[in-house]
Amino acid sequence: MLARRLRPFTTTIFSEMSELAVATGSLNLGQGFPDTDGPAELARVAADAIVAGRNQYPPSQGTPELRAAVAAHQASWYGLDFDPENQVLVTTGATEAIAASLLALCEPGDEVVMFEPSYDSYAACASMAGATPRLVRLHQPDWSFDPDELAAAVGPRTRLVLLNTPHNPTGKVFGPAELAQIADLCCTHDLLAVTDEVYEHLVFDGTHVPLATLPGMAERTVSISSGGKTFSFTGWKVGWVTGPASLVSAVRAAKQFLTYTSGAPFQLAIAHGLSGAPDVINQLGTELKAKRDLFCDGLAGLGFTVHRPAATYFATTDIATVAPGMHAYDFCRELPQRCGVVAIPSSVFYGAGTGVTGNAAAGADATARPDATAGPDATATAGLDATATAGATAGQTLVRWAFCKRVDVLEEALTRLAAWD
């Protein structure tokens, strides 16, 4: 009964692995959420707002307090000037912002250029909009892209570039030269850009530069971010969009028929957080850098080849040295039983990032690996670009680990992983 365009996007690997974590009592380093709350001061602001009666629908574009705080943040951090009345839109997390942006800006048959490995919701959102992903590979070990491959991804139906920096799952921060190449492509071909910047304040090495700050990009870029990642309140689902009024108005037209609006008390708390000093806003990033080093050093000591991330919640390892000849999916399936730890096989982030398991990915073979979307069931991948099939073996020895956990949890995970032999 499911519409063909959504058949590749049913049960995700994240659900499968989280269920395994519960069933086996494993430490869940698969899903990217912290296991501690953010600043108590922000929680008190939300609680006080609830008690004070701020519990009814806020304006569909977001509370005035949060829109003003987002505009002030963009100005103070990046020199971007936005009118909070018509150039800022509050969304129910960044995922809704991405979905609303693609629904608003893409026509059926349009193409969306995105980098792979890619977060799994991107291809799903493009498919819901009737658009087709055009994939540009990020190459190990530094996750760089080939400018010629980027140029080749653009065709007559290309509508926009979807850029995630800092990047999930690799932890890459796109550098100035790379951003300039993307900006030049957009300006040359008159493309829009949608940027997912939710990890903007979780950068350990290098500097996050919004694409909208580059010449010619402010008028064609929809920028997306989120308070959940910055302040470690992912369950609050408070995100936002900034950009030129015409693009923000278009996104709002789609967003109003998705959730219309979201929790006012949480918006007020995030607004309070954004008004904080830079060292307060960067506090979680400082703490995560120490956790990254602890966990990556530990994984390297166990024999994994570690791709140390420059940002985000995640580290990627190559398991070929510790599990020779083994596919990452099989490794991650065995890991909970053998070591009591859950991780995510990075193969799910390739081939348009469907991240699906079972029948949706492989036709009748429910045990197929989730990157097997190029199997005989052509309807399973309807709406995905043919370049997805080229990623059938991509990432087959790569595993993503979430290190946004307490230090004692990370240390226990390393102890358990030592049991793998």
Protein backbone atom coordinates (compact mmCIF):
# COMPACT_ATOMS: atom_id res chain seq x y z
CA MET A 1 0.00 0.00 0.00
CA LEU A 2 2.92 2.36 0.55
CA ALA A 3 3.47 4.82 -2.28
CA ARG A 4 6.28 3.72 -4.57
CA ARG A 5 8.42 6.79 -3.93
CA LEU A 6 8.60 5.91 -0.21
CA ARG A 7 9.25 2.19 -0.50
CA PRO A 8 12.99 2.54 0.07
CA PHE A 9 12.36 4.45 3.30
CA THR A 10 10.55 2.19 5.75
CA THR A 11 12.28 0.66 8.79
CA THR A 12 15.62 2.38 9.23
CA ILE A 13 18.88 0.93 10.43
CA PHE A 14 18.63 3.21 13.45
CA SER A 15 15.41 1.56 14.59
CA GLU A 16 16.85 -1.89 14.00
CA MET A 17 20.02 -1.23 15.95
CA SER A 18 18.25 0.57 18.78
CA GLU A 19 15.92 -2.42 19.16
CA LEU A 20 19.00 -4.65 19.30
CA ALA A 21 20.47 -2.44 22.00
CA VAL A 22 17.34 -2.85 24.15
CA ALA A 23 17.04 -6.58 23.50
CA THR A 24 20.68 -7.29 24.37
CA GLY A 25 21.23 -4.66 27.06
CA SER A 26 23.94 -3.11 24.91
CA LEU A 27 25.43 0.35 25.08
CA ASN A 28 23.82 2.31 22.23
CA LEU A 29 26.47 4.21 20.31
CA GLY A 30 24.32 4.07 17.20
CA GLN A 31 21.78 6.87 17.52
CA GLY A 32 23.10 10.40 17.80
CA PHE A 33 21.65 11.76 21.00
CA PRO A 34 23.43 12.74 24.22
CA ASP A 35 22.77 10.82 27.42
CA THR A 36 22.87 13.96 29.58
CA ASP A 37 20.69 17.07 29.48
CA GLY A 38 21.85 20.50 28.49
CA PRO A 39 22.15 23.56 30.73
CA ALA A 40 19.81 23.51 33.73
CA GLU A 41 19.20 27.23 33.21
CA LEU A 42 17.49 26.53 29.89
CA ALA A 43 15.38 23.76 31.39
CA ARG A 44 14.21 26.22 34.06
CA VAL A 45 13.25 28.77 31.40
CA ALA A 46 11.09 26.13 29.69
CA ALA A 47 9.57 25.00 32.98
CA ASP A 48 8.83 28.57 34.06
CA ALA A 49 7.17 29.24 30.70
CA ILE A 50 4.91 26.22 31.16
CA VAL A 51 3.89 27.34 34.65
CA ALA A 52 3.37 30.90 33.39
CA GLY A 53 0.87 29.69 30.80
CA ARG A 54 2.85 29.84 27.55
CA ASN A 55 1.23 26.60 26.45
CA GLN A 56 -0.99 27.46 23.49
CA TYR A 57 -0.12 27.69 19.80
CA PRO A 58 2.62 30.23 19.20
CA PRO A 59 2.69 32.04 15.84
CA SER A 60 3.26 29.62 12.96
CA GLN A 61 6.53 31.33 12.07
CA GLY A 62 7.77 30.96 15.68
CA THR A 63 7.75 33.04 18.83
CA PRO A 64 8.99 36.61 18.38
CA GLU A 65 11.61 35.94 21.07
CA LEU A 66 13.20 33.05 19.21
CA ARG A 67 13.05 34.68 15.79
CA ALA A 68 14.79 37.75 17.20
CA ALA A 69 17.40 35.56 18.92
CA VAL A 70 18.13 33.62 15.73
CA ALA A 71 18.53 36.83 13.73
CA ALA A 72 20.87 38.24 16.38
CA HIS A 73 22.87 35.01 16.43
CA GLN A 74 23.37 35.01 12.65
CA ALA A 75 24.47 38.64 12.76
CA SER A 76 26.90 38.30 15.65
CA TRP A 77 28.48 35.00 14.61
CA TYR A 78 28.55 35.33 10.82
CA GLY A 79 27.69 38.90 9.84
CA LEU A 80 24.45 37.80 8.17
CA ASP A 81 21.63 40.32 8.44
CA PHE A 82 18.12 38.86 8.64
CA ASP A 83 14.81 40.50 9.44
CA PRO A 84 13.18 38.34 12.15
CA GLU A 85 9.75 39.23 10.77
CA ASN A 86 10.12 37.68 7.32
CA GLN A 87 13.56 36.07 7.03
CA VAL A 88 13.46 33.71 10.01
CA LEU A 89 11.18 30.69 10.38
CA VAL A 90 11.04 28.35 13.38
CA THR A 91 10.52 24.67 12.61
CA THR A 92 9.97 21.44 14.51
CA GLY A 93 13.63 20.48 14.38
CA ALA A 94 15.97 20.65 11.42
CA THR A 95 14.46 17.56 9.80
CA GLU A 96 11.18 19.35 9.26
CA ALA A 97 13.07 22.35 7.94
CA ILE A 98 14.79 20.15 5.34
CA ALA A 99 11.53 18.48 4.35
CA ALA A 100 9.66 21.78 4.08
CA SER A 101 12.49 23.33 2.07
CA LEU A 102 12.56 20.53 -0.50
CA LEU A 103 8.77 20.36 -0.70
CA ALA A 104 8.61 24.11 -1.22
CA LEU A 105 11.45 24.53 -3.68
CA CYS A 106 11.43 21.39 -5.85
CA GLU A 107 9.07 20.39 -8.61
CA PRO A 108 8.52 16.72 -9.51
CA GLY A 109 11.38 15.63 -11.75
CA ASP A 110 13.86 18.16 -10.36
CA GLU A 111 17.27 16.99 -9.19
CA VAL A 112 19.01 17.70 -5.89
CA VAL A 113 22.80 17.53 -5.68
CA MET A 114 23.98 16.12 -2.35
CA PHE A 115 27.17 14.65 -0.97
CA GLU A 116 27.50 11.01 0.05
CA PRO A 117 27.74 9.47 2.53
CA SER A 118 24.60 11.41 3.42
CA TYR A 119 22.20 11.59 6.31
CA ASP A 120 19.31 9.26 5.53
CA SER A 121 16.49 11.82 5.67
CA TYR A 122 17.83 13.79 2.71
CA ALA A 123 16.94 11.24 0.05
CA ALA A 124 13.58 10.56 1.71
CA CYS A 125 12.69 14.25 1.76
CA ALA A 126 13.77 14.65 -1.85
CA SER A 127 11.63 11.67 -2.81
CA MET A 128 8.58 13.10 -1.03
CA ALA A 129 9.07 16.24 -3.09
CA GLY A 130 9.25 14.16 -6.28
CA ALA A 131 12.91 15.08 -6.77
CA THR A 132 15.87 12.83 -7.54
CA PRO A 133 19.17 12.83 -5.61
CA ARG A 134 22.35 13.34 -7.61
CA LEU A 135 25.21 12.04 -5.51
CA VAL A 136 28.75 13.40 -5.20
CA ARG A 137 31.15 11.14 -3.32
CA LEU A 138 33.27 12.33 -0.40
CA HIS A 139 36.52 10.40 -0.64
CA GLN A 140 38.59 8.99 2.20
CA PRO A 141 40.76 9.66 4.08
CA ASP A 142 39.98 13.40 4.28
CA TRP A 143 36.43 13.17 2.87
CA SER A 144 37.27 15.53 0.02
CA PHE A 145 35.23 15.71 -3.18
CA ASP A 146 36.41 15.86 -6.77
CA PRO A 147 35.38 19.21 -8.32
CA ASP A 148 34.89 17.47 -11.67
CA GLU A 149 32.48 14.99 -10.08
CA LEU A 150 30.58 17.90 -8.54
CA ALA A 151 30.35 19.67 -11.88
CA ALA A 152 29.22 16.46 -13.60
CA ALA A 153 26.35 16.07 -11.12
CA VAL A 154 24.65 19.21 -12.43
CA GLY A 155 22.20 18.79 -15.31
CA PRO A 156 19.29 20.61 -16.91
CA ARG A 157 16.88 19.48 -14.16
CA THR A 158 19.11 20.40 -11.22
CA ARG A 159 17.24 22.68 -8.84
CA LEU A 160 19.46 22.99 -5.80
CA VAL A 161 22.47 21.79 -3.83
CA LEU A 162 21.84 20.29 -0.40
CA LEU A 163 24.95 20.80 1.73
CA ASN A 164 25.52 19.45 5.23
CA THR A 165 28.43 21.07 7.02
CA PRO A 166 29.60 20.16 9.59
CA HIS A 167 28.85 16.80 8.03
CA ASN A 168 27.05 13.75 9.37
CA PRO A 169 28.24 10.96 9.30
CA THR A 170 31.89 11.83 8.57
CA GLY A 171 32.44 14.78 10.91
CA LYS A 172 33.92 16.78 8.02
CA VAL A 173 33.92 20.58 8.09
CA PHE A 174 33.89 21.87 4.52
CA GLY A 175 36.79 24.26 4.00
CA PRO A 176 36.89 27.68 2.31
CA ALA A 177 38.12 26.36 -1.05
CA GLU A 178 35.44 23.68 -1.15
CA LEU A 179 32.72 26.13 -0.23
CA ALA A 180 33.95 28.50 -2.94
CA GLN A 181 33.67 25.70 -5.52
CA ILE A 182 30.10 24.95 -4.42
CA ALA A 183 29.19 28.63 -4.44
CA ASP A 184 30.66 29.10 -7.91
CA LEU A 185 28.64 26.11 -9.16
CA CYS A 186 25.43 27.55 -7.71
CA CYS A 187 26.02 31.00 -9.17
CA THR A 188 27.10 29.70 -12.58
CA HIS A 189 24.06 27.46 -12.97
CA ASP A 190 21.61 29.66 -11.03
CA LEU A 191 21.00 26.98 -8.40
CA LEU A 192 19.51 27.37 -4.96
CA ALA A 193 21.29 25.99 -1.90
CA VAL A 194 19.84 24.40 1.23
CA THR A 195 22.38 24.06 4.03
CA ASP A 196 22.05 21.84 7.09
CA GLU A 197 24.28 23.44 9.75
CA VAL A 198 22.95 21.85 12.94
CA TYR A 199 26.46 21.00 14.18
CA GLU A 200 27.73 24.56 13.68
CA HIS A 201 28.77 24.93 17.33
CA LEU A 202 30.18 21.41 17.71
CA VAL A 203 33.40 22.03 15.77
CA PHE A 204 36.69 20.78 17.22
CA ASP A 205 39.14 21.45 14.38
CA GLY A 206 38.80 24.23 11.83
CA THR A 207 36.04 26.81 11.52
CA HIS A 208 32.46 26.54 10.37
CA VAL A 209 31.71 28.96 7.53
CA PRO A 210 28.08 29.24 6.36
CA LEU A 211 27.69 28.97 2.59
CA ALA A 212 25.41 32.02 2.73
CA THR A 213 28.40 34.22 3.62
CA LEU A 214 30.11 33.62 0.28
CA PRO A 215 29.70 36.10 -2.61
CA GLY A 216 26.46 35.63 -4.50
CA MET A 217 25.04 33.09 -2.04
CA ALA A 218 23.01 35.11 0.48
CA GLU A 219 20.22 35.63 -2.04
CA ARG A 220 19.99 31.96 -3.01
CA THR A 221 20.59 30.06 0.25
CA VAL A 222 18.19 28.60 2.80
CA SER A 223 20.22 28.01 5.99
CA ILE A 224 19.00 25.52 8.59
CA SER A 225 20.11 24.94 12.16
CA SER A 226 18.81 23.64 15.48
CA GLY A 227 18.93 24.33 19.19
CA GLY A 228 18.78 20.64 20.04
CA LYS A 229 22.34 19.93 18.94
CA THR A 230 23.86 23.17 20.23
CA PHE A 231 22.36 22.89 23.72
CA SER A 232 21.96 19.11 24.09
CA PHE A 233 18.15 19.15 24.13
CA THR A 234 17.49 17.05 21.05
CA GLY A 235 14.02 16.00 22.26
CA TRP A 236 12.78 19.57 22.22
CA LYS A 237 12.86 19.59 18.39
CA VAL A 238 13.44 23.31 17.88
CA GLY A 239 14.98 24.24 14.56
CA TRP A 240 14.95 27.23 12.24
CA VAL A 241 15.38 28.50 8.72
CA THR A 242 16.99 31.76 7.65
CA GLY A 243 17.33 33.25 4.21
CA PRO A 244 15.90 35.80 1.79
CA ALA A 245 12.25 36.60 2.40
CA SER A 246 11.07 35.00 -0.84
CA LEU A 247 12.66 31.64 -0.01
CA VAL A 248 11.66 31.67 3.65
CA SER A 249 8.08 32.50 2.65
CA ALA A 250 8.08 29.50 0.30
CA VAL A 251 9.37 27.19 3.02
CA ARG A 252 6.77 28.52 5.43
CA ALA A 253 4.02 27.74 2.91
CA ALA A 254 5.02 24.06 3.04
CA LYS A 255 5.82 23.98 6.76
CA GLN A 256 2.41 25.27 7.81
CA PHE A 257 0.81 22.07 6.52
CA LEU A 258 3.32 19.78 8.25
CA THR A 259 3.27 20.79 11.92
CA TYR A 260 2.03 24.39 11.65
CA THR A 261 3.92 25.26 14.84
CA SER A 262 5.79 23.71 17.77
CA GLY A 263 6.18 23.99 21.54
CA ALA A 264 6.30 27.60 22.74
CA PRO A 265 8.07 26.92 26.08
CA PHE A 266 10.96 25.19 24.34
CA GLN A 267 11.27 28.00 21.82
CA LEU A 268 11.59 30.50 24.65
CA ALA A 269 14.29 28.41 26.31
CA ILE A 270 16.34 28.11 23.11
CA ALA A 271 15.97 31.86 22.57
CA HIS A 272 17.47 32.37 26.02
CA GLY A 273 20.31 30.02 25.17
CA LEU A 274 21.17 31.79 21.92
CA SER A 275 21.54 35.04 23.82
CA GLY A 276 24.36 33.54 25.88
CA ALA A 277 28.04 34.37 25.61
CA PRO A 278 30.08 32.55 22.94
CA ASP A 279 31.88 30.38 25.49
CA VAL A 280 28.52 29.23 26.85
CA ILE A 281 27.20 28.38 23.39
CA ASN A 282 30.43 26.54 22.60
CA GLN A 283 30.51 24.69 25.92
CA LEU A 284 29.11 21.41 24.62
CA GLY A 285 31.58 21.46 21.74
CA THR A 286 34.46 21.83 24.17
CA GLU A 287 33.23 18.88 26.20
CA LEU A 288 32.65 16.77 23.09
CA LYS A 289 36.18 17.38 21.82
CA ALA A 290 37.58 15.69 24.92
CA LYS A 291 35.18 12.79 24.45
CA ARG A 292 36.14 12.50 20.79
CA ASP A 293 39.80 12.23 21.71
CA LEU A 294 39.13 9.69 24.46
CA PHE A 295 37.02 7.47 22.25
CA CYS A 296 39.03 7.77 19.04
CA ASP A 297 42.29 7.10 20.86
CA GLY A 298 40.69 4.08 22.48
CA LEU A 299 39.40 2.70 19.18
CA ALA A 300 42.81 3.18 17.58
CA GLY A 301 44.37 1.32 20.49
CA LEU A 302 42.05 -1.60 19.76
CA GLY A 303 43.28 -1.79 16.17
CA PHE A 304 40.56 0.11 14.33
CA THR A 305 41.52 2.54 11.57
CA VAL A 306 39.99 5.76 12.88
CA HIS A 307 38.84 8.70 10.78
CA ARG A 308 38.99 11.32 13.52
CA PRO A 309 36.12 13.82 13.01
CA ALA A 310 36.60 17.57 12.97
CA ALA A 311 33.05 18.11 14.29
CA THR A 312 29.67 16.56 15.19
CA TYR A 313 28.70 13.65 17.44
CA PHE A 314 30.24 10.90 15.32
CA ALA A 315 33.48 9.07 14.55
CA THR A 316 33.98 6.69 11.64
CA THR A 317 36.23 3.64 11.72
CA ASP A 318 37.36 1.12 9.14
CA ILE A 319 36.89 -2.37 10.58
CA ALA A 320 38.99 -4.18 7.97
CA THR A 321 41.91 -4.54 10.38
CA VAL A 322 39.86 -5.98 13.25
CA ALA A 323 37.29 -7.95 11.23
CA PRO A 324 39.01 -8.94 7.96
CA GLY A 325 36.63 -9.80 5.15
CA MET A 326 33.56 -8.81 7.16
CA HIS A 327 30.89 -6.40 5.94
CA ALA A 328 30.14 -3.52 8.31
CA TYR A 329 26.48 -4.52 8.46
CA ASP A 330 27.34 -8.04 9.59
CA PHE A 331 29.83 -6.62 12.07
CA CYS A 332 27.20 -4.30 13.56
CA ARG A 333 24.67 -7.15 13.74
CA GLU A 334 27.12 -9.32 15.69
CA LEU A 335 28.53 -6.56 17.87
CA PRO A 336 25.66 -6.44 20.43
CA GLN A 337 25.80 -10.18 21.11
CA ARG A 338 29.59 -10.39 21.19
CA CYS A 339 30.50 -7.13 22.90
CA GLY A 340 27.33 -5.49 24.18
CA VAL A 341 27.79 -2.37 22.03
CA VAL A 342 25.68 -0.98 19.18
CA ALA A 343 27.00 1.03 16.23
CA ILE A 344 25.79 1.89 12.72
CA PRO A 345 27.19 0.48 9.46
CA SER A 346 28.14 3.42 7.27
CA SER A 347 27.04 1.59 4.13
CA VAL A 348 23.50 2.84 4.87
CA PHE A 349 24.65 6.39 4.18
CA TYR A 350 25.60 5.57 0.59
CA GLY A 351 23.45 5.02 -2.48
CA ALA A 352 21.13 7.98 -1.72
CA GLY A 353 21.22 7.15 1.97
CA THR A 354 18.07 5.05 2.18
CA GLY A 355 19.28 3.47 5.41
CA VAL A 356 16.64 0.76 5.14
CA THR A 357 16.67 -2.87 6.14
CA GLY A 358 14.79 -5.98 5.19
CA ASN A 359 12.25 -6.23 2.37
CA ALA A 360 12.19 -2.53 1.58
CA ALA A 361 15.84 -2.63 0.64
CA ALA A 362 16.22 -6.01 -0.98
CA GLY A 363 12.97 -7.28 -2.38
CA ALA A 364 12.27 -10.76 -1.04
CA ASP A 365 15.56 -11.19 0.80
CA ALA A 366 14.80 -9.86 4.26
CA THR A 367 18.32 -10.59 5.45
CA ALA A 368 20.03 -8.52 2.78
CA ARG A 369 22.42 -5.82 3.83
CA PRO A 370 20.87 -2.33 3.85
CA ASP A 371 23.10 -1.08 1.05
CA ALA A 372 21.67 -3.62 -1.36
CA THR A 373 19.19 -1.18 -2.85
CA ALA A 374 20.35 -2.06 -6.36
CA GLY A 375 18.80 -5.52 -6.26
CA PRO A 376 16.29 -6.98 -8.69
CA ASP A 377 13.27 -5.16 -7.28
CA ALA A 378 13.40 -1.99 -9.32
CA THR A 379 10.31 -0.60 -7.62
CA ALA A 380 12.12 -0.58 -4.29
CA THR A 381 14.35 2.22 -5.48
CA ALA A 382 11.88 4.23 -7.55
CA GLY A 383 12.66 7.93 -7.32
CA LEU A 384 16.35 7.37 -6.55
CA ASP A 385 18.97 8.44 -9.05
CA ALA A 386 20.76 5.71 -10.97
CA THR A 387 24.02 6.83 -9.42
CA ALA A 388 22.82 5.23 -6.19
CA THR A 389 23.60 1.83 -7.63
CA ALA A 390 27.23 2.80 -7.97
CA GLY A 391 27.45 2.88 -4.17
CA ALA A 392 26.59 -0.79 -3.69
CA THR A 393 29.98 -1.54 -2.15
CA ALA A 394 30.68 1.90 -0.71
CA GLY A 395 31.30 2.06 2.99
CA GLN A 396 31.22 -1.71 3.33
CA THR A 397 33.96 -1.72 5.98
CA LEU A 398 33.05 1.58 7.64
CA VAL A 399 31.21 1.93 10.96
CA ARG A 400 29.85 5.08 12.60
CA TRP A 401 30.02 5.51 16.38
CA ALA A 402 28.29 8.20 18.47
CA PHE A 403 30.59 9.58 21.17
CA CYS A 404 28.08 12.12 22.56
CA LYS A 405 27.78 10.01 25.71
CA ARG A 406 29.06 10.19 29.27
CA VAL A 407 32.75 9.48 29.74
CA ASP A 408 32.02 6.39 31.84
CA VAL A 409 29.82 5.02 29.04
CA LEU A 410 32.55 5.55 26.46
CA GLU A 411 35.13 3.91 28.71
CA GLU A 412 32.86 0.94 29.31
CA ALA A 413 32.22 0.64 25.56
CA LEU A 414 35.95 0.50 24.89
CA THR A 415 36.36 -2.16 27.56
CA ARG A 416 33.60 -4.24 25.98
CA LEU A 417 34.97 -3.78 22.46
CA ALA A 418 38.26 -5.27 23.57
CA ALA A 419 36.39 -8.60 23.66
CA TRP A 420 36.09 -8.63 19.86
CA ASP A 421 38.68 -10.99 18.39
